[in-house]
C-alpha atoms as a PDB file:
ATOM      1  CA  GLN A   1      -2.357 -16.813   1.265  1.00  0.00           C
ATOM      2  CA  PRO A   2      -3.819 -15.856   4.649  1.00  0.00           C
ATOM      3  CA  GLY A   3      -2.359 -12.534   5.719  1.00  0.00           C
ATOM      4  CA  ASP A   4      -1.454 -11.462   2.174  1.00  0.00           C
ATOM      5  CA  LEU A   5      -1.598  -7.723   1.537  1.00  0.00           C
ATOM      6  CA  VAL A   6      -3.145  -6.349  -1.654  1.00  0.00           C
ATOM      7  CA  VAL A   7      -2.634  -2.670  -2.495  1.00  0.00           C
ATOM      8  CA  LEU A   8      -4.387  -0.906  -5.359  1.00  0.00           C
ATOM      9  CA  TYR A   9      -3.117   2.570  -6.191  1.00  0.00           C
ATOM     10  CA  THR A  10      -3.102   5.317  -8.791  1.00  0.00           C
ATOM     11  CA  ASP A  11       0.036   6.409 -10.590  1.00  0.00           C
ATOM     12  CA  GLY A  12       0.501   9.412  -8.321  1.00  0.00           C
ATOM     13  CA  VAL A  13       1.462   7.104  -5.451  1.00  0.00           C
ATOM     14  CA  VAL A  14       4.511   5.743  -7.286  1.00  0.00           C
ATOM     15  CA  GLU A  15       5.503   8.371  -9.871  1.00  0.00           C
ATOM     16  CA  ARG A  16       7.913  11.222  -9.143  1.00  0.00           C
ATOM     17  CA  ARG A  17       9.224  13.803 -11.591  1.00  0.00           C
ATOM     18  CA  GLY A  18      12.748  12.983 -12.701  1.00  0.00           C
ATOM     19  CA  GLU A  19      12.578   9.457 -11.296  1.00  0.00           C
ATOM     20  CA  LEU A  20      12.154   6.134 -13.061  1.00  0.00           C
ATOM     21  CA  ILE A  21       8.804   4.429 -12.434  1.00  0.00           C
ATOM     22  CA  ASP A  22      10.723   1.333 -11.338  1.00  0.00           C
ATOM     23  CA  ASP A  23      12.146   3.339  -8.417  1.00  0.00           C
ATOM     24  CA  GLY A  24       8.652   4.280  -7.268  1.00  0.00           C
ATOM     25  CA  LEU A  25       7.400   0.716  -7.599  1.00  0.00           C
ATOM     26  CA  ARG A  26      10.382  -0.569  -5.611  1.00  0.00           C
ATOM     27  CA  ARG A  27       9.740   2.021  -2.896  1.00  0.00           C
ATOM     28  CA  LEU A  28       6.084   0.925  -2.694  1.00  0.00           C
ATOM     29  CA  ARG A  29       6.977  -2.794  -2.540  1.00  0.00           C
ATOM     30  CA  GLU A  30       9.563  -2.224   0.187  1.00  0.00           C
ATOM     31  CA  HIS A  31       7.198  -0.100   2.270  1.00  0.00           C
ATOM     32  CA  CYS A  32       4.386  -2.657   1.990  1.00  0.00           C
ATOM     33  CA  ALA A  33       6.703  -5.615   2.664  1.00  0.00           C
ATOM     34  CA  ARG A  34       7.598  -4.100   6.043  1.00  0.00           C
ATOM     35  CA  TRP A  35       3.925  -3.549   6.928  1.00  0.00           C
ATOM     36  CA  ASP A  36       2.865  -6.168   9.475  1.00  0.00           C
ATOM     37  CA  ASP A  37       0.053  -4.235  11.098  1.00  0.00           C
ATOM     38  CA  ASP A  38      -3.655  -4.655  10.384  1.00  0.00           C
ATOM     39  CA  GLU A  39      -4.128  -0.876  10.668  1.00  0.00           C
ATOM     40  CA  LEU A  40      -4.379  -0.525   6.901  1.00  0.00           C
ATOM     41  CA  GLU A  41      -5.878   2.955   7.141  1.00  0.00           C
ATOM     42  CA  THR A  42      -2.500   4.134   8.435  1.00  0.00           C
ATOM     43  CA  LEU A  43      -0.708   2.418   5.544  1.00  0.00           C
ATOM     44  CA  VAL A  44      -2.993   4.125   3.017  1.00  0.00           C
ATOM     45  CA  GLU A  45      -2.440   7.497   4.710  1.00  0.00           C
ATOM     46  CA  GLU A  46       1.339   7.030   4.581  1.00  0.00           C
ATOM     47  CA  LEU A  47       1.256   6.067   0.900  1.00  0.00           C
ATOM     48  CA  THR A  48      -0.979   8.942  -0.171  1.00  0.00           C
ATOM     49  CA  ASN A  49       0.652  11.592   2.058  1.00  0.00           C
ATOM     50  CA  ALA A  50       4.058  10.802   0.566  1.00  0.00           C
ATOM     51  CA  ALA A  51       2.683  10.996  -2.979  1.00  0.00           C
ATOM     52  CA  ALA A  52       3.598  13.666  -5.485  1.00  0.00           C
ATOM     53  CA  ASP A  53       1.392  16.534  -6.627  1.00  0.00           C
ATOM     54  CA  ASP A  54      -0.695  14.164  -8.706  1.00  0.00           C
ATOM     55  CA  ASP A  55      -3.786  12.104  -8.142  1.00  0.00           C
ATOM     56  CA  ASN A  56      -3.036   9.708  -5.323  1.00  0.00           C
ATOM     57  CA  VAL A  57      -5.496   7.132  -4.183  1.00  0.00           C
ATOM     58  CA  ALA A  58      -4.707   3.831  -2.497  1.00  0.00           C
ATOM     59  CA  LEU A  59      -6.769   0.927  -1.229  1.00  0.00           C
ATOM     60  CA  ALA A  60      -5.211  -1.756   0.972  1.00  0.00           C
ATOM     61  CA  LEU A  61      -6.715  -5.134   1.835  1.00  0.00           C
ATOM     62  CA  ARG A  62      -5.376  -7.957   3.959  1.00  0.00           C
ATOM     63  CA  TRP A  63      -7.000 -11.358   3.562  1.00  0.00           C
ATOM     64  CA  HIS A  64      -7.945 -13.284   6.666  1.00  0.00           C
ATOM     65  CA  PRO A  65      -9.692 -16.655   6.261  1.00  0.00           C
ATOM     66  CA  PRO A  66     -12.948 -17.354   8.099  1.00  0.00           C
ATOM     67  CA  GLY A  67     -12.198 -18.216  11.703  1.00  0.00           C
ATOM     68  CA  GLY A  68      -9.053 -16.055  11.558  1.00  0.00           C
ATOM     69  CA  PRO A  69      -8.039 -13.277  13.967  1.00  0.00           C
ATOM     70  CA  LEU A  70     -10.646 -10.788  12.733  1.00  0.00           C
ATOM     71  CA  ASP A  71     -13.601 -13.187  12.537  1.00  0.00           C
ATOM     72  CA  GLY A  72     -16.261 -12.792  15.179  1.00  0.00           C
END
């Protein structure tokens, strides 16, 4: 849908030692659900800065249809 947020990430963004993976996935979903800004670079920085001592890469995309707020 217009405005949908898609986030691709490596396991280091959601995994923590001694924590269930489901907890990390929930934390990611909750953080992204609150994100209503188009400054996706900031979102990616927040996700990767909070990541554990593991590989942590994230890519965030928000879909805007042609003629939408970012067109032109």
